Full PDB file with SEQRES, HELIX, SHEET, SSBOND, CRYST1, ORIGX, SCALE, CONECT and MASTER records, all heavy atoms in Angstrom:
SEQRES   1 A   32  VAL LYS SER GLU LEU LEU GLU GLY ILE LEU TYR LEU LYS          
SEQRES   2 A   32  PRO LEU LEU LYS LYS GLY THR LYS GLU GLU LYS GLU TYR          
SEQRES   3 A   32  LEU HIS TYR CYS ILE ASP                                      
HELIX    1 AA1 LYS A    2  LEU A   12  1                                  11    
HELIX    2 AA2 LYS A   13  LYS A   17  5                                   5    
HELIX    3 AA3 LYS A   21  ILE A   31  1                                  11    
CRYST1    1.000    1.000    1.000  90.00  90.00  90.00 P 1           1          
ORIGX1      1.000000  0.000000  0.000000        0.00000                         
ORIGX2      0.000000  1.000000  0.000000        0.00000                         
ORIGX3      0.000000  0.000000  1.000000        0.00000                         
SCALE1      1.000000  0.000000  0.000000        0.00000                         
SCALE2      0.000000  1.000000  0.000000        0.00000                         
SCALE3      0.000000  0.000000  1.000000        0.00000                         
ATOM      1  N   VAL A   1      34.277  32.281  13.519  1.00  0.00           N  
ATOM      2  CA  VAL A   1      34.788  31.071  12.853  1.00  0.00           C  
ATOM      3  C   VAL A   1      34.328  29.795  13.553  1.00  0.00           C  
ATOM      4  O   VAL A   1      35.047  28.790  13.560  1.00  0.00           O  
ATOM      5  CB  VAL A   1      36.334  31.118  12.774  1.00  0.00           C  
ATOM      6  CG1 VAL A   1      36.815  32.204  11.834  1.00  0.00           C  
ATOM      7  CG2 VAL A   1      36.944  31.295  14.160  1.00  0.00           C  
ATOM      8  N   LYS A   2      33.111  29.815  14.125  1.00  0.00           N  
ATOM      9  CA  LYS A   2      32.626  28.623  14.828  1.00  0.00           C  
ATOM     10  C   LYS A   2      32.534  27.428  13.891  1.00  0.00           C  
ATOM     11  O   LYS A   2      32.910  26.300  14.249  1.00  0.00           O  
ATOM     12  CB  LYS A   2      31.269  28.924  15.460  1.00  0.00           C  
ATOM     13  CG  LYS A   2      31.337  29.946  16.597  1.00  0.00           C  
ATOM     14  CD  LYS A   2      29.961  30.202  17.193  1.00  0.00           C  
ATOM     15  CE  LYS A   2      30.042  31.230  18.323  1.00  0.00           C  
ATOM     16  NZ  LYS A   2      28.702  31.515  18.902  1.00  0.00           N  
ATOM     17  N   SER A   3      32.034  27.668  12.688  1.00  0.00           N  
ATOM     18  CA  SER A   3      31.921  26.570  11.729  1.00  0.00           C  
ATOM     19  C   SER A   3      33.294  26.051  11.327  1.00  0.00           C  
ATOM     20  O   SER A   3      33.517  24.832  11.191  1.00  0.00           O  
ATOM     21  CB  SER A   3      31.146  27.043  10.495  1.00  0.00           C  
ATOM     22  OG  SER A   3      31.096  26.025   9.524  1.00  0.00           O  
ATOM     23  N   GLU A   4      34.241  26.971  11.141  1.00  0.00           N  
ATOM     24  CA  GLU A   4      35.598  26.584  10.742  1.00  0.00           C  
ATOM     25  C   GLU A   4      36.280  25.753  11.830  1.00  0.00           C  
ATOM     26  O   GLU A   4      37.068  24.842  11.534  1.00  0.00           O  
ATOM     27  CB  GLU A   4      36.424  27.822  10.417  1.00  0.00           C  
ATOM     28  CG  GLU A   4      36.090  28.495   9.105  1.00  0.00           C  
ATOM     29  CD  GLU A   4      34.863  29.403   9.201  1.00  0.00           C  
ATOM     30  OE1 GLU A   4      34.219  29.415  10.273  1.00  0.00           O  
ATOM     31  OE2 GLU A   4      34.552  30.083   8.208  1.00  0.00           O  
ATOM     32  N   LEU A   5      35.957  26.077  13.108  1.00  0.00           N  
ATOM     33  CA  LEU A   5      36.543  25.300  14.199  1.00  0.00           C  
ATOM     34  C   LEU A   5      36.052  23.858  14.160  1.00  0.00           C  
ATOM     35  O   LEU A   5      36.828  22.917  14.357  1.00  0.00           O  
ATOM     36  CB  LEU A   5      36.201  25.939  15.543  1.00  0.00           C  
ATOM     37  CG  LEU A   5      36.920  27.254  15.864  1.00  0.00           C  
ATOM     38  CD1 LEU A   5      36.336  27.884  17.123  1.00  0.00           C  
ATOM     39  CD2 LEU A   5      38.423  27.026  16.034  1.00  0.00           C  
ATOM     40  N   LEU A   6      34.759  23.692  13.887  1.00  0.00           N  
ATOM     41  CA  LEU A   6      34.222  22.341  13.784  1.00  0.00           C  
ATOM     42  C   LEU A   6      34.837  21.600  12.599  1.00  0.00           C  
ATOM     43  O   LEU A   6      35.098  20.394  12.664  1.00  0.00           O  
ATOM     44  CB  LEU A   6      32.701  22.402  13.646  1.00  0.00           C  
ATOM     45  CG  LEU A   6      31.944  22.948  14.863  1.00  0.00           C  
ATOM     46  CD1 LEU A   6      30.457  23.053  14.558  1.00  0.00           C  
ATOM     47  CD2 LEU A   6      32.176  22.066  16.089  1.00  0.00           C  
ATOM     48  N   GLU A   7      35.067  22.334  11.527  1.00  0.00           N  
ATOM     49  CA  GLU A   7      35.725  21.729  10.366  1.00  0.00           C  
ATOM     50  C   GLU A   7      37.129  21.249  10.720  1.00  0.00           C  
ATOM     51  O   GLU A   7      37.603  20.200  10.252  1.00  0.00           O  
ATOM     52  CB  GLU A   7      35.779  22.738   9.222  1.00  0.00           C  
ATOM     53  CG  GLU A   7      36.411  22.203   7.954  1.00  0.00           C  
ATOM     54  CD  GLU A   7      36.583  23.272   6.892  1.00  0.00           C  
ATOM     55  OE1 GLU A   7      36.106  24.402   7.090  1.00  0.00           O  
ATOM     56  OE2 GLU A   7      37.220  22.966   5.856  1.00  0.00           O  
ATOM     57  N   GLY A   8      37.818  22.023  11.567  1.00  0.00           N  
ATOM     58  CA  GLY A   8      39.176  21.664  11.947  1.00  0.00           C  
ATOM     59  C   GLY A   8      39.273  20.341  12.662  1.00  0.00           C  
ATOM     60  O   GLY A   8      40.302  19.643  12.584  1.00  0.00           O  
ATOM     61  N   ILE A   9      38.166  19.966  13.351  1.00  0.00           N  
ATOM     62  CA  ILE A   9      38.183  18.691  14.063  1.00  0.00           C  
ATOM     63  C   ILE A   9      38.400  17.527  13.095  1.00  0.00           C  
ATOM     64  O   ILE A   9      39.018  16.511  13.428  1.00  0.00           O  
ATOM     65  CB  ILE A   9      36.866  18.518  14.855  1.00  0.00           C  
ATOM     66  CG1 ILE A   9      36.772  19.592  15.956  1.00  0.00           C  
ATOM     67  CG2 ILE A   9      36.774  17.126  15.464  1.00  0.00           C  
ATOM     68  CD1 ILE A   9      35.432  19.624  16.675  1.00  0.00           C  
ATOM     69  N   LEU A  10      37.920  17.705  11.874  1.00  0.00           N  
ATOM     70  CA  LEU A  10      38.081  16.657  10.861  1.00  0.00           C  
ATOM     71  C   LEU A  10      39.555  16.381  10.569  1.00  0.00           C  
ATOM     72  O   LEU A  10      39.917  15.264  10.179  1.00  0.00           O  
ATOM     73  CB  LEU A  10      37.373  17.060   9.568  1.00  0.00           C  
ATOM     74  CG  LEU A  10      35.859  17.290   9.661  1.00  0.00           C  
ATOM     75  CD1 LEU A  10      35.315  17.785   8.327  1.00  0.00           C  
ATOM     76  CD2 LEU A  10      35.155  16.004  10.089  1.00  0.00           C  
ATOM     77  N   TYR A  11      40.403  17.396  10.748  1.00  0.00           N  
ATOM     78  CA  TYR A  11      41.841  17.215  10.486  1.00  0.00           C  
ATOM     79  C   TYR A  11      42.603  16.758  11.722  1.00  0.00           C  
ATOM     80  O   TYR A  11      43.703  16.218  11.610  1.00  0.00           O  
ATOM     81  CB  TYR A  11      42.433  18.528   9.960  1.00  0.00           C  
ATOM     82  CG  TYR A  11      41.762  19.014   8.699  1.00  0.00           C  
ATOM     83  CD1 TYR A  11      40.981  20.168   8.698  1.00  0.00           C  
ATOM     84  CD2 TYR A  11      41.874  18.305   7.513  1.00  0.00           C  
ATOM     85  CE1 TYR A  11      40.344  20.603   7.541  1.00  0.00           C  
ATOM     86  CE2 TYR A  11      41.242  18.721   6.353  1.00  0.00           C  
ATOM     87  CZ  TYR A  11      40.474  19.871   6.380  1.00  0.00           C  
ATOM     88  OH  TYR A  11      39.837  20.285   5.238  1.00  0.00           O  
ATOM     89  N   LEU A  12      41.983  16.968  12.904  1.00  0.00           N  
ATOM     90  CA  LEU A  12      42.654  16.572  14.134  1.00  0.00           C  
ATOM     91  C   LEU A  12      42.437  15.100  14.473  1.00  0.00           C  
ATOM     92  O   LEU A  12      43.357  14.420  14.947  1.00  0.00           O  
ATOM     93  CB  LEU A  12      42.176  17.443  15.308  1.00  0.00           C  
ATOM     94  CG  LEU A  12      42.962  18.734  15.561  1.00  0.00           C  
ATOM     95  CD1 LEU A  12      42.930  19.653  14.349  1.00  0.00           C  
ATOM     96  CD2 LEU A  12      42.431  19.471  16.795  1.00  0.00           C  
ATOM     97  N   LYS A  13      41.242  14.594  14.224  1.00  0.00           N  
ATOM     98  CA  LYS A  13      40.921  13.237  14.661  1.00  0.00           C  
ATOM     99  C   LYS A  13      41.830  12.167  14.052  1.00  0.00           C  
ATOM    100  O   LYS A  13      42.251  11.240  14.765  1.00  0.00           O  
ATOM    101  CB  LYS A  13      39.449  12.942  14.357  1.00  0.00           C  
ATOM    102  CG  LYS A  13      38.504  13.607  15.353  1.00  0.00           C  
ATOM    103  CD  LYS A  13      37.067  13.172  15.117  1.00  0.00           C  
ATOM    104  CE  LYS A  13      36.144  13.747  16.191  1.00  0.00           C  
ATOM    105  NZ  LYS A  13      34.729  13.339  15.985  1.00  0.00           N  
ATOM    106  N   PRO A  14      42.156  12.235  12.758  1.00  0.00           N  
ATOM    107  CA  PRO A  14      43.059  11.191  12.218  1.00  0.00           C  
ATOM    108  C   PRO A  14      44.427  11.171  12.892  1.00  0.00           C  
ATOM    109  O   PRO A  14      45.100  10.131  12.907  1.00  0.00           O  
ATOM    110  CB  PRO A  14      43.184  11.566  10.737  1.00  0.00           C  
ATOM    111  CG  PRO A  14      41.954  12.364  10.440  1.00  0.00           C  
ATOM    112  CD  PRO A  14      41.665  13.127  11.689  1.00  0.00           C  
ATOM    113  N   LEU A  15      44.828  12.302  13.470  1.00  0.00           N  
ATOM    114  CA  LEU A  15      46.152  12.374  14.091  1.00  0.00           C  
ATOM    115  C   LEU A  15      46.193  11.698  15.454  1.00  0.00           C  
ATOM    116  O   LEU A  15      47.274  11.472  15.991  1.00  0.00           O  
ATOM    117  CB  LEU A  15      46.591  13.839  14.216  1.00  0.00           C  
ATOM    118  CG  LEU A  15      46.619  14.637  12.902  1.00  0.00           C  
ATOM    119  CD1 LEU A  15      47.111  16.061  13.153  1.00  0.00           C  
ATOM    120  CD2 LEU A  15      47.504  13.959  11.876  1.00  0.00           C  
ATOM    121  N   LEU A  16      45.011  11.388  16.007  1.00  0.00           N  
ATOM    122  CA  LEU A  16      44.978  10.719  17.305  1.00  0.00           C  
ATOM    123  C   LEU A  16      45.576   9.320  17.235  1.00  0.00           C  
ATOM    124  O   LEU A  16      45.940   8.731  18.247  1.00  0.00           O  
ATOM    125  CB  LEU A  16      43.530  10.633  17.806  1.00  0.00           C  
ATOM    126  CG  LEU A  16      42.879  11.983  18.148  1.00  0.00           C  
ATOM    127  CD1 LEU A  16      41.405  11.780  18.458  1.00  0.00           C  
ATOM    128  CD2 LEU A  16      43.592  12.652  19.318  1.00  0.00           C  
ATOM    129  N   LYS A  17      45.686   8.774  16.020  1.00  0.00           N  
ATOM    130  CA  LYS A  17      46.274   7.442  15.838  1.00  0.00           C  
ATOM    131  C   LYS A  17      47.787   7.503  15.657  1.00  0.00           C  
ATOM    132  O   LYS A  17      48.447   6.466  15.627  1.00  0.00           O  
ATOM    133  CB  LYS A  17      45.654   6.769  14.609  1.00  0.00           C  
ATOM    134  CG  LYS A  17      44.153   6.582  14.689  1.00  0.00           C  
ATOM    135  CD  LYS A  17      43.617   5.973  13.395  1.00  0.00           C  
ATOM    136  CE  LYS A  17      42.110   5.805  13.431  1.00  0.00           C  
ATOM    137  NZ  LYS A  17      41.579   5.230  12.160  1.00  0.00           N  
ATOM    138  N   LYS A  18      48.338   8.709  15.537  1.00  0.00           N  
ATOM    139  CA  LYS A  18      49.754   8.837  15.173  1.00  0.00           C  
ATOM    140  C   LYS A  18      50.616   9.470  16.260  1.00  0.00           C  
ATOM    141  O   LYS A  18      51.801   9.179  16.355  1.00  0.00           O  
ATOM    142  CB  LYS A  18      49.885   9.669  13.890  1.00  0.00           C  
ATOM    143  CG  LYS A  18      49.160   9.104  12.690  1.00  0.00           C  
ATOM    144  CD  LYS A  18      49.333   9.996  11.473  1.00  0.00           C  
ATOM    145  CE  LYS A  18      48.611   9.440  10.256  1.00  0.00           C  
ATOM    146  NZ  LYS A  18      48.779  10.290   9.052  1.00  0.00           N  
ATOM    147  N   GLY A  19      50.067  10.361  17.039  1.00  0.00           N  
ATOM    148  CA  GLY A  19      50.874  11.179  17.928  1.00  0.00           C  
ATOM    149  C   GLY A  19      51.404  10.445  19.144  1.00  0.00           C  
ATOM    150  O   GLY A  19      51.005   9.316  19.458  1.00  0.00           O  
ATOM    151  N   THR A  20      52.299  11.118  19.847  1.00  0.00           N  
ATOM    152  CA  THR A  20      52.779  10.622  21.135  1.00  0.00           C  
ATOM    153  C   THR A  20      51.680  10.814  22.179  1.00  0.00           C  
ATOM    154  O   THR A  20      50.638  11.432  21.921  1.00  0.00           O  
ATOM    155  CB  THR A  20      54.034  11.390  21.573  1.00  0.00           C  
ATOM    156  OG1 THR A  20      53.674  12.771  21.789  1.00  0.00           O  
ATOM    157  CG2 THR A  20      55.123  11.318  20.505  1.00  0.00           C  
ATOM    158  N   LYS A  21      51.900  10.310  23.367  1.00  0.00           N  
ATOM    159  CA  LYS A  21      50.914  10.451  24.433  1.00  0.00           C  
ATOM    160  C   LYS A  21      50.621  11.916  24.704  1.00  0.00           C  
ATOM    161  O   LYS A  21      49.453  12.317  24.814  1.00  0.00           O  
ATOM    162  CB  LYS A  21      51.424   9.771  25.702  1.00  0.00           C  
ATOM    163  CG  LYS A  21      50.462   9.875  26.881  1.00  0.00           C  
ATOM    164  CD  LYS A  21      51.043   9.202  28.121  1.00  0.00           C  
ATOM    165  CE  LYS A  21      50.090   9.355  29.307  1.00  0.00           C  
ATOM    166  NZ  LYS A  21      50.653   8.736  30.547  1.00  0.00           N  
ATOM    167  N   GLU A  22      51.669  12.739  24.801  1.00  0.00           N  
ATOM    168  CA  GLU A  22      51.485  14.165  25.066  1.00  0.00           C  
ATOM    169  C   GLU A  22      50.767  14.846  23.907  1.00  0.00           C  
ATOM    170  O   GLU A  22      49.910  15.722  24.112  1.00  0.00           O  
ATOM    171  CB  GLU A  22      52.836  14.836  25.311  1.00  0.00           C  
ATOM    172  CG  GLU A  22      53.546  14.410  26.597  1.00  0.00           C  
ATOM    173  CD  GLU A  22      54.180  13.026  26.491  1.00  0.00           C  
ATOM    174  OE1 GLU A  22      54.291  12.501  25.353  1.00  0.00           O  
ATOM    175  OE2 GLU A  22      54.557  12.471  27.546  1.00  0.00           O  
ATOM    176  N   GLU A  23      51.126  14.469  22.672  1.00  0.00           N  
ATOM    177  CA  GLU A  23      50.484  15.067  21.508  1.00  0.00           C  
ATOM    178  C   GLU A  23      49.007  14.695  21.443  1.00  0.00           C  
ATOM    179  O   GLU A  23      48.142  15.524  21.112  1.00  0.00           O  
ATOM    180  CB  GLU A  23      51.206  14.631  20.230  1.00  0.00           C  
ATOM    181  CG  GLU A  23      52.592  15.250  20.077  1.00  0.00           C  
ATOM    182  CD  GLU A  23      53.405  14.607  18.969  1.00  0.00           C  
ATOM    183  OE1 GLU A  23      53.076  13.467  18.555  1.00  0.00           O  
ATOM    184  OE2 GLU A  23      54.384  15.232  18.519  1.00  0.00           O  
ATOM    185  N   LYS A  24      48.698  13.449  21.765  1.00  0.00           N  
ATOM    186  CA  LYS A  24      47.299  13.023  21.759  1.00  0.00           C  
ATOM    187  C   LYS A  24      46.487  13.776  22.805  1.00  0.00           C  
ATOM    188  O   LYS A  24      45.334  14.164  22.561  1.00  0.00           O  
ATOM    189  CB  LYS A  24      47.217  11.518  21.999  1.00  0.00           C  
ATOM    190  CG  LYS A  24      47.731  10.671  20.837  1.00  0.00           C  
ATOM    191  CD  LYS A  24      47.694   9.187  21.171  1.00  0.00           C  
ATOM    192  CE  LYS A  24      48.229   8.356  20.010  1.00  0.00           C  
ATOM    193  NZ  LYS A  24      48.260   6.906  20.322  1.00  0.00           N  
ATOM    194  N   GLU A  25      47.081  13.978  23.967  1.00  0.00           N  
ATOM    195  CA  GLU A  25      46.391  14.744  25.010  1.00  0.00           C  
ATOM    196  C   GLU A  25      46.118  16.168  24.537  1.00  0.00           C  
ATOM    197  O   GLU A  25      45.032  16.719  24.771  1.00  0.00           O  
ATOM    198  CB  GLU A  25      47.238  14.760  26.290  1.00  0.00           C  
ATOM    199  CG  GLU A  25      47.313  13.408  26.984  1.00  0.00           C  
ATOM    200  CD  GLU A  25      48.241  13.438  28.182  1.00  0.00           C  
ATOM    201  OE1 GLU A  25      48.923  14.484  28.395  1.00  0.00           O  
ATOM    202  OE2 GLU A  25      48.312  12.430  28.914  1.00  0.00           O  
ATOM    203  N   TYR A  26      47.095  16.739  23.853  1.00  0.00           N  
ATOM    204  CA  TYR A  26      46.911  18.101  23.346  1.00  0.00           C  
ATOM    205  C   TYR A  26      45.829  18.137  22.266  1.00  0.00           C  
ATOM    206  O   TYR A  26      44.994  19.060  22.228  1.00  0.00           O  
ATOM    207  CB  TYR A  26      48.236  18.627  22.788  1.00  0.00           C  
ATOM    208  CG  TYR A  26      48.101  19.991  22.136  1.00  0.00           C  
ATOM    209  CD1 TYR A  26      47.817  21.119  22.893  1.00  0.00           C  
ATOM    210  CD2 TYR A  26      48.228  20.132  20.754  1.00  0.00           C  
ATOM    211  CE1 TYR A  26      47.684  22.370  22.298  1.00  0.00           C  
ATOM    212  CE2 TYR A  26      48.087  21.369  20.149  1.00  0.00           C  
ATOM    213  CZ  TYR A  26      47.825  22.489  20.922  1.00  0.00           C  
ATOM    214  OH  TYR A  26      47.677  23.719  20.328  1.00  0.00           O  
ATOM    215  N   LEU A  27      45.793  17.143  21.389  1.00  0.00           N  
ATOM    216  CA  LEU A  27      44.785  17.103  20.334  1.00  0.00           C  
ATOM    217  C   LEU A  27      43.381  16.948  20.920  1.00  0.00           C  
ATOM    218  O   LEU A  27      42.418  17.591  20.460  1.00  0.00           O  
ATOM    219  CB  LEU A  27      45.087  15.957  19.366  1.00  0.00           C  
ATOM    220  CG  LEU A  27      46.323  16.141  18.471  1.00  0.00           C  
ATOM    221  CD1 LEU A  27      46.650  14.844  17.737  1.00  0.00           C  
ATOM    222  CD2 LEU A  27      46.111  17.270  17.474  1.00  0.00           C  
ATOM    223  N   HIS A  28      43.221  16.097  21.943  1.00  0.00           N  
ATOM    224  CA  HIS A  28      41.924  15.966  22.610  1.00  0.00           C  
ATOM    225  C   HIS A  28      41.494  17.300  23.219  1.00  0.00           C  
ATOM    226  O   HIS A  28      40.306  17.669  23.162  1.00  0.00           O  
ATOM    227  CB  HIS A  28      41.989  14.887  23.694  1.00  0.00           C  
ATOM    228  CG  HIS A  28      41.860  13.488  23.173  1.00  0.00           C  
ATOM    229  ND1 HIS A  28      40.720  13.022  22.553  1.00  0.00           N  
ATOM    230  CD2 HIS A  28      42.746  12.445  23.200  1.00  0.00           C  
ATOM    231  CE1 HIS A  28      40.895  11.756  22.203  1.00  0.00           C  
ATOM    232  NE2 HIS A  28      42.116  11.374  22.584  1.00  0.00           N  
ATOM    233  N   TYR A  29      42.474  17.987  23.799  1.00  0.00           N  
ATOM    234  CA  TYR A  29      42.190  19.302  24.391  1.00  0.00           C  
ATOM    235  C   TYR A  29      41.699  20.273  23.320  1.00  0.00           C  
ATOM    236  O   TYR A  29      40.707  20.996  23.515  1.00  0.00           O  
ATOM    237  CB  TYR A  29      43.453  19.835  25.066  1.00  0.00           C  
ATOM    238  CG  TYR A  29      43.360  21.267  25.515  1.00  0.00           C  
ATOM    239  CD1 TYR A  29      42.538  21.643  26.581  1.00  0.00           C  
ATOM    240  CD2 TYR A  29      44.105  22.260  24.876  1.00  0.00           C  
ATOM    241  CE1 TYR A  29      42.461  22.973  26.996  1.00  0.00           C  
ATOM    242  CE2 TYR A  29      44.033  23.579  25.271  1.00  0.00           C  
ATOM    243  CZ  TYR A  29      43.206  23.935  26.334  1.00  0.00           C  
ATOM    244  OH  TYR A  29      43.125  25.239  26.738  1.00  0.00           O  
ATOM    245  N   CYS A  30      42.354  20.288  22.158  1.00  0.00           N  
ATOM    246  CA  CYS A  30      41.948  21.181  21.064  1.00  0.00           C  
ATOM    247  C   CYS A  30      40.549  20.824  20.559  1.00  0.00           C  
ATOM    248  O   CYS A  30      39.710  21.712  20.324  1.00  0.00           O  
ATOM    249  CB  CYS A  30      42.943  21.104  19.913  1.00  0.00           C  
ATOM    250  SG  CYS A  30      44.539  21.867  20.253  1.00  0.00           S  
ATOM    251  N   ILE A  31      40.298  19.536  20.401  1.00  0.00           N  
ATOM    252  CA  ILE A  31      38.982  19.107  19.921  1.00  0.00           C  
ATOM    253  C   ILE A  31      37.887  19.552  20.888  1.00  0.00           C  
ATOM    254  O   ILE A  31      36.822  20.047  20.483  1.00  0.00           O  
ATOM    255  CB  ILE A  31      38.958  17.576  19.728  1.00  0.00           C  
ATOM    256  CG1 ILE A  31      39.864  17.187  18.552  1.00  0.00           C  
ATOM    257  CG2 ILE A  31      37.527  17.065  19.495  1.00  0.00           C  
ATOM    258  CD1 ILE A  31      40.081  15.685  18.410  1.00  0.00           C  
ATOM    259  N   ASP A  32      38.179  19.391  22.181  1.00  0.00           N  
ATOM    260  CA  ASP A  32      37.215  19.824  23.199  1.00  0.00           C  
ATOM    261  C   ASP A  32      36.952  21.324  23.109  1.00  0.00           C  
ATOM    262  O   ASP A  32      35.797  21.772  23.181  1.00  0.00           O  
ATOM    263  CB  ASP A  32      37.744  19.455  24.586  1.00  0.00           C  
ATOM    264  CG  ASP A  32      36.808  19.910  25.694  1.00  0.00           C  
ATOM    265  OD1 ASP A  32      35.647  19.458  25.716  1.00  0.00           O  
ATOM    266  OD2 ASP A  32      37.241  20.748  26.515  1.00  0.00           O  
TER     267      ASP A  32                                                      
MASTER        0    0    0    3    0    0    0    6  266    1    0    3          
END                                                                             
């Protein structure tokens, strides 16, 4: 599911503007 993982980044990035500090750190970790 390598391609699907890259697709998932499209849904994570918009959330970087909404989450708490801890949530944003977790989202960056997932994107990485």
